[in-house]
């Protein structure tokens, strides 16, 4: 029975992603290019570009699915961990920075697991997994940047929450979707505050 339930959930996420791509690909593709370009200008090391472009593309897709269906496709989030880790291996090998690569991958696991310890009514499990993925890039540059990065990630979440409460679109105790604002915070961090390659 568990296998049947798992297959049903997996199919559901695939359907959500397929529906979003089918309906919005003409917007998502140019948006990915538009968001990637400033990152590439900020981080001029070409070997890091595939990782930056992939992260931008995944976040655009995840944000679109979350906004349209109010759910993060967890299969896409978890599947992005090894892909991003693999892409970060390129600059790690090119610059003999295997310690940075190890730190980035370890931070993803540590943050993802730690966020799962927070009650689900505060932060959803999908958002907890997303934070593990988003923290990989800042962690590359040092453990000391992980906590500041997480704080920056949550700034748009706080702004959105206050705005929703102030306008009456949400009430105290309502669960607010953190996915899109978390990704906005991560993008702003990489664009404005993170060290460049």
N, C-alpha and C. Protein backbone atom coordinates (compact mmCIF):
# COMPACT_ATOMS: atom_id res chain seq x y z
N UNK A 1 0.83 -1.21 0.00
CA UNK A 1 0.00 0.00 0.00
C UNK A 1 0.86 1.26 0.00
N UNK A 2 1.97 1.23 0.78
CA UNK A 2 2.86 2.39 0.84
C UNK A 2 3.45 2.71 -0.51
N UNK A 3 3.80 1.63 -1.28
CA UNK A 3 4.38 1.85 -2.61
C UNK A 3 3.37 2.51 -3.53
N UNK A 4 2.11 2.11 -3.44
CA UNK A 4 1.05 2.69 -4.27
C UNK A 4 0.88 4.17 -3.93
N UNK A 5 0.88 4.48 -2.62
CA UNK A 5 0.74 5.88 -2.18
C UNK A 5 1.91 6.72 -2.67
N UNK A 6 3.13 6.17 -2.58
CA UNK A 6 4.32 6.89 -3.03
C UNK A 6 4.25 7.17 -4.52
N UNK A 7 3.81 6.17 -5.29
CA UNK A 7 3.70 6.35 -6.74
C UNK A 7 2.67 7.42 -7.08
N UNK A 8 1.57 7.45 -6.31
CA UNK A 8 0.53 8.44 -6.55
C UNK A 8 1.04 9.85 -6.28
N UNK A 9 1.78 10.01 -5.16
CA UNK A 9 2.34 11.31 -4.81
C UNK A 9 3.34 11.76 -5.87
N UNK A 10 4.22 10.82 -6.31
CA UNK A 10 5.22 11.14 -7.32
C UNK A 10 4.54 11.59 -8.61
N UNK A 11 3.50 10.87 -9.02
CA UNK A 11 2.78 11.22 -10.24
C UNK A 11 2.14 12.59 -10.10
N UNK A 12 1.63 12.89 -8.91
CA UNK A 12 0.99 14.18 -8.69
C UNK A 12 1.99 15.32 -8.88
N UNK A 13 3.20 15.16 -8.30
CA UNK A 13 4.20 16.21 -8.47
C UNK A 13 4.61 16.35 -9.93
N UNK A 14 4.75 15.23 -10.60
CA UNK A 14 5.10 15.27 -12.03
C UNK A 14 4.03 16.00 -12.82
N UNK A 15 2.77 15.75 -12.47
CA UNK A 15 1.66 16.42 -13.17
C UNK A 15 1.68 17.92 -12.93
N UNK A 16 1.99 18.33 -11.69
CA UNK A 16 2.04 19.75 -11.37
C UNK A 16 3.14 20.44 -12.17
N UNK A 17 4.30 19.81 -12.23
CA UNK A 17 5.43 20.38 -12.98
C UNK A 17 5.11 20.42 -14.47
N UNK A 18 4.57 19.31 -14.99
CA UNK A 18 4.24 19.24 -16.41
C UNK A 18 3.19 20.29 -16.78
N UNK A 19 2.19 20.47 -15.93
CA UNK A 19 1.15 21.46 -16.19
C UNK A 19 1.72 22.87 -16.21
N UNK A 20 2.59 23.16 -15.25
CA UNK A 20 3.19 24.50 -15.18
C UNK A 20 4.07 24.77 -16.39
N UNK A 21 4.89 23.78 -16.76
CA UNK A 21 5.77 23.96 -17.92
C UNK A 21 4.96 24.13 -19.20
N UNK A 22 3.91 23.32 -19.35
CA UNK A 22 3.10 23.38 -20.56
C UNK A 22 2.42 24.74 -20.72
N UNK A 23 1.96 25.31 -19.61
CA UNK A 23 1.21 26.56 -19.67
C UNK A 23 2.08 27.81 -19.60
N UNK A 24 3.26 27.69 -19.00
CA UNK A 24 4.04 28.90 -18.71
C UNK A 24 5.46 28.89 -19.28
N UNK A 25 5.82 27.93 -20.13
CA UNK A 25 7.21 27.84 -20.56
C UNK A 25 7.65 29.09 -21.33
N UNK A 26 6.72 29.75 -22.03
CA UNK A 26 7.10 30.95 -22.79
C UNK A 26 7.45 32.11 -21.87
N UNK A 27 7.02 32.04 -20.62
CA UNK A 27 7.39 33.05 -19.63
C UNK A 27 8.59 32.58 -18.82
N UNK A 28 8.60 31.29 -18.46
CA UNK A 28 9.65 30.76 -17.58
C UNK A 28 11.02 30.78 -18.24
N UNK A 29 11.10 30.46 -19.54
CA UNK A 29 12.39 30.42 -20.24
C UNK A 29 13.05 31.80 -20.27
N UNK A 30 12.36 32.86 -20.75
CA UNK A 30 13.01 34.18 -20.75
C UNK A 30 13.26 34.71 -19.34
N UNK A 31 12.40 34.34 -18.37
CA UNK A 31 12.62 34.78 -16.99
C UNK A 31 13.90 34.17 -16.43
N UNK A 32 14.14 32.90 -16.77
CA UNK A 32 15.37 32.24 -16.32
C UNK A 32 16.60 32.94 -16.90
N UNK A 33 16.53 33.29 -18.18
CA UNK A 33 17.64 34.00 -18.83
C UNK A 33 17.85 35.37 -18.17
N UNK A 34 16.74 36.08 -17.93
CA UNK A 34 16.82 37.43 -17.35
C UNK A 34 17.40 37.40 -15.94
N UNK A 35 17.06 36.37 -15.16
CA UNK A 35 17.57 36.27 -13.79
C UNK A 35 19.00 35.73 -13.76
N UNK A 36 19.35 34.90 -14.73
CA UNK A 36 20.70 34.32 -14.76
C UNK A 36 21.75 35.35 -15.15
N UNK A 37 21.42 36.23 -16.08
CA UNK A 37 22.40 37.18 -16.62
C UNK A 37 23.08 38.02 -15.53
N UNK A 38 22.33 38.63 -14.59
CA UNK A 38 23.01 39.41 -13.54
C UNK A 38 23.91 38.54 -12.65
N UNK A 39 23.50 37.29 -12.42
CA UNK A 39 24.32 36.40 -11.60
C UNK A 39 25.64 36.10 -12.29
N UNK A 40 25.59 35.90 -13.61
CA UNK A 40 26.80 35.59 -14.35
C UNK A 40 27.74 36.80 -14.40
N UNK A 41 27.16 37.99 -14.45
CA UNK A 41 27.98 39.20 -14.42
C UNK A 41 28.60 39.40 -13.05
N UNK A 42 27.86 39.01 -12.02
CA UNK A 42 28.35 39.15 -10.64
C UNK A 42 29.44 38.14 -10.34
N UNK A 43 29.25 36.91 -10.82
CA UNK A 43 30.21 35.83 -10.59
C UNK A 43 30.86 35.50 -11.94
N UNK A 44 31.99 36.09 -12.19
CA UNK A 44 32.58 36.04 -13.53
C UNK A 44 33.36 34.77 -13.82
N UNK A 45 33.50 33.88 -12.85
CA UNK A 45 34.23 32.63 -13.07
C UNK A 45 33.36 31.69 -13.89
N UNK A 46 33.75 31.43 -15.14
CA UNK A 46 32.92 30.67 -16.07
C UNK A 46 32.60 29.27 -15.57
N UNK A 47 33.52 28.64 -14.85
CA UNK A 47 33.28 27.27 -14.39
C UNK A 47 32.14 27.21 -13.38
N UNK A 48 31.77 28.34 -12.79
CA UNK A 48 30.66 28.37 -11.83
C UNK A 48 29.33 28.66 -12.51
N UNK A 49 29.35 29.06 -13.75
CA UNK A 49 28.12 29.45 -14.44
C UNK A 49 27.08 28.34 -14.55
N UNK A 50 27.46 27.10 -14.90
CA UNK A 50 26.43 26.05 -14.98
C UNK A 50 25.64 25.89 -13.68
N UNK A 51 26.33 25.96 -12.54
CA UNK A 51 25.64 25.83 -11.26
C UNK A 51 24.69 27.00 -11.03
N UNK A 52 25.13 28.21 -11.35
CA UNK A 52 24.29 29.39 -11.16
C UNK A 52 23.07 29.35 -12.07
N UNK A 53 23.28 28.97 -13.33
CA UNK A 53 22.16 28.90 -14.28
C UNK A 53 21.18 27.82 -13.85
N UNK A 54 21.69 26.67 -13.42
CA UNK A 54 20.81 25.59 -12.97
C UNK A 54 19.98 26.03 -11.78
N UNK A 55 20.61 26.67 -10.79
CA UNK A 55 19.89 27.10 -9.60
C UNK A 55 18.81 28.12 -9.96
N UNK A 56 19.14 29.04 -10.86
CA UNK A 56 18.15 30.03 -11.29
C UNK A 56 16.97 29.34 -11.99
N UNK A 57 17.28 28.39 -12.87
CA UNK A 57 16.21 27.69 -13.61
C UNK A 57 15.32 26.88 -12.68
N UNK A 58 15.94 26.19 -11.72
CA UNK A 58 15.15 25.39 -10.77
C UNK A 58 14.27 26.29 -9.91
N UNK A 59 14.81 27.40 -9.46
CA UNK A 59 14.02 28.31 -8.62
C UNK A 59 12.87 28.93 -9.40
N UNK A 60 13.09 29.26 -10.66
CA UNK A 60 12.00 29.79 -11.48
C UNK A 60 10.89 28.74 -11.61
N UNK A 61 11.27 27.51 -11.88
CA UNK A 61 10.29 26.43 -12.00
C UNK A 61 9.56 26.19 -10.68
N UNK A 62 10.32 26.07 -9.60
CA UNK A 62 9.72 25.82 -8.28
C UNK A 62 8.78 26.95 -7.88
N UNK A 63 9.22 28.19 -8.13
CA UNK A 63 8.37 29.33 -7.80
C UNK A 63 7.09 29.34 -8.59
N UNK A 64 7.18 29.01 -9.88
CA UNK A 64 5.99 28.99 -10.73
C UNK A 64 5.00 27.92 -10.28
N UNK A 65 5.52 26.74 -9.95
CA UNK A 65 4.65 25.65 -9.49
C UNK A 65 4.01 26.02 -8.16
N UNK A 66 4.80 26.59 -7.26
CA UNK A 66 4.29 26.95 -5.94
C UNK A 66 3.21 28.03 -6.04
N UNK A 67 3.43 29.04 -6.89
CA UNK A 67 2.45 30.10 -7.06
C UNK A 67 1.17 29.59 -7.72
N UNK A 68 1.33 28.67 -8.65
CA UNK A 68 0.16 28.17 -9.40
C UNK A 68 -0.62 27.13 -8.60
N UNK A 69 0.11 26.20 -7.95
CA UNK A 69 -0.55 25.07 -7.30
C UNK A 69 -0.45 25.09 -5.77
N UNK A 70 0.25 26.11 -5.21
CA UNK A 70 0.43 26.23 -3.77
C UNK A 70 1.13 25.03 -3.17
N UNK A 71 2.04 24.42 -3.93
CA UNK A 71 2.81 23.29 -3.42
C UNK A 71 4.18 23.29 -4.08
N UNK A 72 5.18 22.95 -3.28
CA UNK A 72 6.53 22.78 -3.83
C UNK A 72 6.68 21.34 -4.27
N UNK A 73 7.08 21.11 -5.52
CA UNK A 73 7.32 19.73 -5.98
C UNK A 73 8.58 19.17 -5.32
N UNK A 74 8.39 18.45 -4.23
CA UNK A 74 9.51 17.98 -3.42
C UNK A 74 10.46 17.10 -4.23
N UNK A 75 9.93 16.36 -5.18
CA UNK A 75 10.78 15.53 -6.03
C UNK A 75 11.79 16.37 -6.80
N UNK A 76 11.36 17.55 -7.26
CA UNK A 76 12.27 18.44 -7.98
C UNK A 76 13.31 19.01 -7.02
N UNK A 77 12.86 19.39 -5.81
CA UNK A 77 13.79 19.96 -4.82
C UNK A 77 14.88 18.95 -4.47
N UNK A 78 14.46 17.74 -4.10
CA UNK A 78 15.43 16.72 -3.70
C UNK A 78 16.31 16.29 -4.87
N UNK A 79 15.72 16.20 -6.05
CA UNK A 79 16.49 15.82 -7.23
C UNK A 79 17.53 16.86 -7.61
N UNK A 80 17.30 18.11 -7.18
CA UNK A 80 18.25 19.19 -7.50
C UNK A 80 19.49 19.15 -6.63
N UNK A 81 19.41 18.51 -5.46
CA UNK A 81 20.58 18.42 -4.57
C UNK A 81 21.78 17.79 -5.29
N UNK A 82 21.65 16.56 -5.80
CA UNK A 82 22.83 15.95 -6.44
C UNK A 82 23.25 16.65 -7.72
N UNK A 83 22.28 17.23 -8.44
CA UNK A 83 22.64 17.94 -9.68
C UNK A 83 23.47 19.18 -9.35
N UNK A 84 23.01 19.97 -8.39
CA UNK A 84 23.76 21.17 -8.02
C UNK A 84 25.11 20.81 -7.42
N UNK A 85 25.13 19.76 -6.60
CA UNK A 85 26.41 19.31 -6.03
C UNK A 85 27.37 18.89 -7.13
N UNK A 86 26.86 18.20 -8.15
CA UNK A 86 27.70 17.79 -9.27
C UNK A 86 28.23 18.98 -10.06
N UNK A 87 27.38 19.98 -10.27
CA UNK A 87 27.81 21.17 -11.01
C UNK A 87 28.82 21.99 -10.21
N UNK A 88 28.69 22.00 -8.89
CA UNK A 88 29.66 22.71 -8.05
C UNK A 88 31.00 21.98 -7.99
N UNK A 89 30.98 20.72 -8.37
CA UNK A 89 32.23 19.97 -8.39
C UNK A 89 33.17 20.50 -9.48
N UNK A 90 32.60 21.12 -10.52
CA UNK A 90 33.42 21.66 -11.62
C UNK A 90 34.34 22.78 -11.11
N UNK A 91 33.81 23.84 -10.47
CA UNK A 91 34.74 24.85 -9.94
C UNK A 91 35.61 24.31 -8.81
N UNK A 92 35.11 23.31 -8.07
CA UNK A 92 35.91 22.73 -6.99
C UNK A 92 37.17 22.08 -7.55
N UNK A 93 37.01 21.32 -8.61
CA UNK A 93 38.16 20.66 -9.23
C UNK A 93 39.05 21.66 -9.97
N UNK A 94 38.41 22.64 -10.61
CA UNK A 94 39.18 23.62 -11.38
C UNK A 94 40.09 24.46 -10.49
N UNK A 95 39.64 24.72 -9.26
CA UNK A 95 40.41 25.60 -8.37
C UNK A 95 40.93 24.87 -7.13
N UNK A 96 40.89 23.53 -7.19
CA UNK A 96 41.37 22.73 -6.06
C UNK A 96 40.68 23.16 -4.76
N UNK A 97 39.35 23.28 -4.84
CA UNK A 97 38.55 23.74 -3.70
C UNK A 97 37.61 22.63 -3.24
N UNK A 98 38.13 21.42 -3.08
CA UNK A 98 37.27 20.31 -2.65
C UNK A 98 36.74 20.54 -1.24
N UNK A 99 37.46 21.28 -0.43
CA UNK A 99 36.96 21.57 0.92
C UNK A 99 35.72 22.46 0.85
N UNK A 100 35.71 23.41 -0.09
CA UNK A 100 34.54 24.27 -0.28
C UNK A 100 33.35 23.45 -0.76
N UNK A 101 33.62 22.51 -1.67
CA UNK A 101 32.56 21.64 -2.17
C UNK A 101 31.99 20.78 -1.04
N UNK A 102 32.87 20.23 -0.21
CA UNK A 102 32.42 19.41 0.91
C UNK A 102 31.60 20.22 1.89
N UNK A 103 32.01 21.47 2.12
CA UNK A 103 31.29 22.36 3.03
C UNK A 103 29.89 22.67 2.47
N UNK A 104 29.82 22.94 1.16
CA UNK A 104 28.53 23.27 0.54
C UNK A 104 27.56 22.10 0.63
N UNK A 105 28.04 20.90 0.33
CA UNK A 105 27.15 19.73 0.37
C UNK A 105 26.77 19.37 1.80
N UNK A 106 27.73 19.53 2.73
CA UNK A 106 27.42 19.24 4.14
C UNK A 106 26.41 20.23 4.68
N UNK A 107 26.56 21.50 4.31
CA UNK A 107 25.63 22.53 4.78
C UNK A 107 24.21 22.26 4.28
N UNK A 108 24.11 21.77 3.05
CA UNK A 108 22.78 21.47 2.50
C UNK A 108 22.08 20.41 3.35
N UNK A 109 22.82 19.38 3.73
CA UNK A 109 22.24 18.31 4.54
C UNK A 109 21.93 18.81 5.95
N UNK A 110 22.88 19.52 6.56
CA UNK A 110 22.70 20.00 7.93
C UNK A 110 21.50 20.94 8.03
N UNK A 111 21.43 21.90 7.12
CA UNK A 111 20.33 22.87 7.15
C UNK A 111 19.00 22.19 6.85
N UNK A 112 19.00 21.32 5.84
CA UNK A 112 17.76 20.61 5.51
C UNK A 112 17.23 19.80 6.67
N UNK A 113 18.11 19.07 7.35
CA UNK A 113 17.70 18.26 8.50
C UNK A 113 17.28 19.15 9.66
N UNK A 114 18.06 20.20 9.94
CA UNK A 114 17.75 21.10 11.05
C UNK A 114 16.39 21.77 10.86
N UNK A 115 16.08 22.17 9.65
CA UNK A 115 14.80 22.83 9.39
C UNK A 115 13.63 21.87 9.56
N UNK A 116 13.90 20.56 9.36
CA UNK A 116 12.84 19.58 9.56
C UNK A 116 12.48 19.42 11.03
N UNK A 117 13.35 19.87 11.93
CA UNK A 117 13.07 19.79 13.35
C UNK A 117 12.11 20.88 13.81
N UNK A 118 11.95 21.92 12.97
CA UNK A 118 11.00 22.99 13.28
C UNK A 118 9.59 22.47 12.99
N UNK A 119 8.62 22.74 13.87
CA UNK A 119 7.25 22.24 13.65
C UNK A 119 6.71 22.61 12.27
N UNK A 120 5.98 21.69 11.66
CA UNK A 120 5.44 21.86 10.32
C UNK A 120 4.50 23.05 10.22
N UNK A 121 3.87 23.43 11.33
CA UNK A 121 2.95 24.57 11.28
C UNK A 121 3.71 25.89 11.13
N UNK A 122 5.02 25.87 11.41
CA UNK A 122 5.83 27.08 11.27
C UNK A 122 6.48 27.13 9.89
N UNK A 123 7.11 26.05 9.49
CA UNK A 123 7.71 25.97 8.15
C UNK A 123 7.44 24.59 7.58
N UNK A 124 6.92 24.55 6.37
CA UNK A 124 6.57 23.27 5.75
C UNK A 124 7.79 22.44 5.42
N UNK A 125 7.58 21.14 5.26
CA UNK A 125 8.69 20.24 4.95
C UNK A 125 9.30 20.55 3.58
N UNK A 126 8.47 20.98 2.64
CA UNK A 126 9.00 21.35 1.33
C UNK A 126 9.92 22.55 1.43
N UNK A 127 9.52 23.55 2.24
CA UNK A 127 10.36 24.73 2.43
C UNK A 127 11.66 24.37 3.16
N UNK A 128 11.59 23.43 4.09
CA UNK A 128 12.79 22.99 4.82
C UNK A 128 13.78 22.37 3.84
N UNK A 129 13.29 21.53 2.94
CA UNK A 129 14.18 20.92 1.93
C UNK A 129 14.73 21.98 0.99
N UNK A 130 13.90 22.96 0.64
CA UNK A 130 14.33 24.03 -0.25
C UNK A 130 15.49 24.82 0.37
N UNK A 131 15.41 25.10 1.67
CA UNK A 131 16.47 25.85 2.34
C UNK A 131 17.81 25.13 2.26
N UNK A 132 17.78 23.81 2.37
CA UNK A 132 19.02 23.05 2.23
C UNK A 132 19.65 23.25 0.87
N UNK A 133 18.82 23.28 -0.16
CA UNK A 133 19.32 23.50 -1.52
C UNK A 133 19.87 24.92 -1.68
N UNK A 134 19.13 25.90 -1.18
CA UNK A 134 19.51 27.30 -1.36
C UNK A 134 20.79 27.68 -0.62
N UNK A 135 21.09 26.98 0.47
CA UNK A 135 22.24 27.37 1.28
C UNK A 135 23.56 26.83 0.72
N UNK A 136 23.50 25.98 -0.30
CA UNK A 136 24.73 25.39 -0.84
C UNK A 136 25.70 26.45 -1.36
N UNK A 137 25.18 27.43 -2.10
CA UNK A 137 26.05 28.45 -2.69
C UNK A 137 26.74 29.30 -1.62
N UNK A 138 25.99 29.90 -0.67
CA UNK A 138 26.69 30.68 0.37
C UNK A 138 27.69 29.85 1.17
N UNK A 139 27.32 28.59 1.47
CA UNK A 139 28.21 27.75 2.28
C UNK A 139 29.53 27.47 1.57
N UNK A 140 29.54 27.53 0.25
CA UNK A 140 30.77 27.33 -0.52
C UNK A 140 31.88 28.26 0.00
N UNK A 141 31.49 29.49 0.37
CA UNK A 141 32.47 30.50 0.76
C UNK A 141 32.80 30.49 2.24
N UNK A 142 32.12 29.67 3.03
CA UNK A 142 32.47 29.58 4.45
C UNK A 142 31.27 29.29 5.33
N UNK A 143 31.51 28.54 6.42
CA UNK A 143 30.45 28.24 7.37
C UNK A 143 29.91 29.51 8.00
N UNK A 144 30.76 30.53 8.13
CA UNK A 144 30.33 31.76 8.79
C UNK A 144 29.27 32.51 8.00
N UNK A 145 29.10 32.16 6.72
CA UNK A 145 28.11 32.84 5.89
C UNK A 145 26.75 32.14 5.89
N UNK A 146 26.68 30.95 6.46
CA UNK A 146 25.43 30.18 6.39
C UNK A 146 24.31 30.88 7.16
N UNK A 147 24.56 31.24 8.41
CA UNK A 147 23.51 31.88 9.21
C UNK A 147 23.10 33.24 8.64
N UNK A 148 24.06 34.13 8.29
CA UNK A 148 23.65 35.40 7.67
C UNK A 148 22.84 35.19 6.39
N UNK A 149 23.23 34.19 5.59
CA UNK A 149 22.50 33.91 4.36
C UNK A 149 21.06 33.51 4.67
N UNK A 150 20.88 32.63 5.66
CA UNK A 150 19.53 32.21 6.03
C UNK A 150 18.70 33.40 6.50
N UNK A 151 19.32 34.31 7.24
CA UNK A 151 18.59 35.50 7.69
C UNK A 151 18.15 36.35 6.50
N UNK A 152 19.05 36.51 5.52
CA UNK A 152 18.70 37.27 4.32
C UNK A 152 17.57 36.57 3.56
N UNK A 153 17.64 35.24 3.48
CA UNK A 153 16.60 34.48 2.77
C UNK A 153 15.22 34.79 3.35
N UNK A 154 15.16 34.98 4.67
CA UNK A 154 13.87 35.15 5.34
C UNK A 154 13.36 36.59 5.33
N UNK A 155 14.16 37.54 4.87
CA UNK A 155 13.69 38.93 4.82
C UNK A 155 12.45 39.07 3.91
N UNK A 156 12.46 38.56 2.67
CA UNK A 156 11.24 38.66 1.85
C UNK A 156 10.06 37.89 2.46
N UNK A 157 10.35 36.81 3.20
CA UNK A 157 9.28 36.07 3.87
C UNK A 157 8.61 36.97 4.90
N UNK A 158 9.41 37.69 5.67
CA UNK A 158 8.87 38.59 6.69
C UNK A 158 8.07 39.71 6.04
N UNK A 159 8.60 40.27 4.95
CA UNK A 159 7.89 41.35 4.25
C UNK A 159 6.55 40.85 3.72
N UNK A 160 6.56 39.66 3.11
CA UNK A 160 5.31 39.09 2.58
C UNK A 160 4.31 38.83 3.70
N UNK A 161 4.78 38.27 4.80
CA UNK A 161 3.89 37.95 5.92
C UNK A 161 3.23 39.20 6.48
N UNK A 162 4.04 40.25 6.69
CA UNK A 162 3.50 41.51 7.22
C UNK A 162 2.49 42.11 6.25
N UNK A 163 2.83 42.07 4.96
CA UNK A 163 1.93 42.63 3.95
C UNK A 163 0.60 41.88 3.92
N UNK A 164 0.65 40.55 3.97
CA UNK A 164 -0.58 39.75 3.94
C UNK A 164 -1.44 40.00 5.18
N UNK A 165 -0.79 40.11 6.34
CA UNK A 165 -1.53 40.37 7.57
C UNK A 165 -2.12 41.78 7.56
N UNK A 166 -1.33 42.73 7.08
CA UNK A 166 -1.79 44.12 7.07
C UNK A 166 -2.95 44.35 6.12
N UNK A 167 -2.98 43.61 5.03
CA UNK A 167 -4.05 43.78 4.05
C UNK A 167 -5.23 42.85 4.30
N UNK A 168 -5.12 42.03 5.33
CA UNK A 168 -6.22 41.12 5.65
C UNK A 168 -6.31 39.89 4.77
N UNK A 169 -5.30 39.66 3.94
CA UNK A 169 -5.30 38.48 3.06
C UNK A 169 -4.86 37.23 3.81
N UNK A 170 -4.36 37.41 5.02
CA UNK A 170 -3.99 36.28 5.88
C UNK A 170 -4.27 36.68 7.32
N UNK A 171 -4.52 35.67 8.16
CA UNK A 171 -4.76 35.90 9.59
C UNK A 171 -3.68 35.20 10.39
N UNK A 172 -3.54 35.62 11.65
CA UNK A 172 -2.58 34.95 12.54
C UNK A 172 -2.91 33.47 12.60
N UNK A 173 -1.89 32.63 12.47
CA UNK A 173 -2.11 31.19 12.51
C UNK A 173 -2.22 30.57 11.13
N UNK A 174 -2.49 31.40 10.10
CA UNK A 174 -2.53 30.87 8.73
C UNK A 174 -1.13 30.45 8.31
N UNK A 175 -1.07 29.36 7.54
CA UNK A 175 0.23 28.94 7.02
C UNK A 175 0.49 29.65 5.69
N UNK A 176 1.58 30.40 5.65
CA UNK A 176 1.92 31.19 4.47
C UNK A 176 2.98 30.46 3.66
N UNK A 177 2.81 30.47 2.35
CA UNK A 177 3.78 29.80 1.46
C UNK A 177 5.10 30.56 1.50
N UNK A 178 6.15 29.88 1.96
CA UNK A 178 7.46 30.51 2.08
C UNK A 178 8.31 30.36 0.83
N UNK A 179 7.98 29.40 -0.02
CA UNK A 179 8.85 29.05 -1.15
C UNK A 179 9.30 30.22 -2.01
N UNK A 180 8.38 30.92 -2.70
CA UNK A 180 8.81 32.02 -3.57
C UNK A 180 9.60 33.12 -2.87
N UNK A 181 9.14 33.64 -1.68
CA UNK A 181 9.96 34.67 -1.04
C UNK A 181 11.33 34.17 -0.57
N UNK A 182 11.42 32.89 -0.17
CA UNK A 182 12.73 32.34 0.20
C UNK A 182 13.67 32.37 -0.99
N UNK A 183 13.15 32.02 -2.16
CA UNK A 183 13.99 32.01 -3.36
C UNK A 183 14.37 33.43 -3.78
N UNK A 184 13.47 34.39 -3.57
CA UNK A 184 13.81 35.79 -3.83
C UNK A 184 14.95 36.22 -2.91
N UNK A 185 14.86 35.85 -1.63
CA UNK A 185 15.93 36.18 -0.69
C UNK A 185 17.26 35.57 -1.08
N UNK A 186 17.23 34.31 -1.53
CA UNK A 186 18.46 33.63 -1.95
C UNK A 186 19.06 34.31 -3.18
N UNK A 187 18.19 34.71 -4.10
CA UNK A 187 18.66 35.38 -5.32
C UNK A 187 19.32 36.72 -4.96
N UNK A 188 18.66 37.49 -4.10
CA UNK A 188 19.22 38.78 -3.69
C UNK A 188 20.54 38.59 -2.97
N UNK A 189 20.64 37.54 -2.16
CA UNK A 189 21.89 37.28 -1.45
C UNK A 189 23.02 37.01 -2.45
N UNK A 190 22.76 36.12 -3.40
CA UNK A 190 23.80 35.78 -4.38
C UNK A 190 24.16 36.99 -5.25
N UNK A 191 23.18 37.83 -5.51
CA UNK A 191 23.41 38.96 -6.41
C UNK A 191 24.10 40.13 -5.70
N UNK A 192 23.74 40.37 -4.44
CA UNK A 192 24.17 41.60 -3.79
C UNK A 192 25.18 41.44 -2.67
N UNK A 193 25.14 40.30 -1.98
CA UNK A 193 25.97 40.23 -0.78
C UNK A 193 27.03 39.14 -0.80
N UNK A 194 26.85 38.10 -1.61
CA UNK A 194 27.80 36.98 -1.58
C UNK A 194 29.11 37.35 -2.25
N UNK A 195 30.17 36.73 -1.79
CA UNK A 195 31.45 36.88 -2.46
C UNK A 195 31.36 36.25 -3.84
N UNK A 196 32.08 36.79 -4.80
CA UNK A 196 32.07 36.24 -6.13
C UNK A 196 33.19 35.21 -6.33
N UNK A 197 33.02 34.36 -7.31
CA UNK A 197 34.07 33.41 -7.63
C UNK A 197 35.23 34.16 -8.27
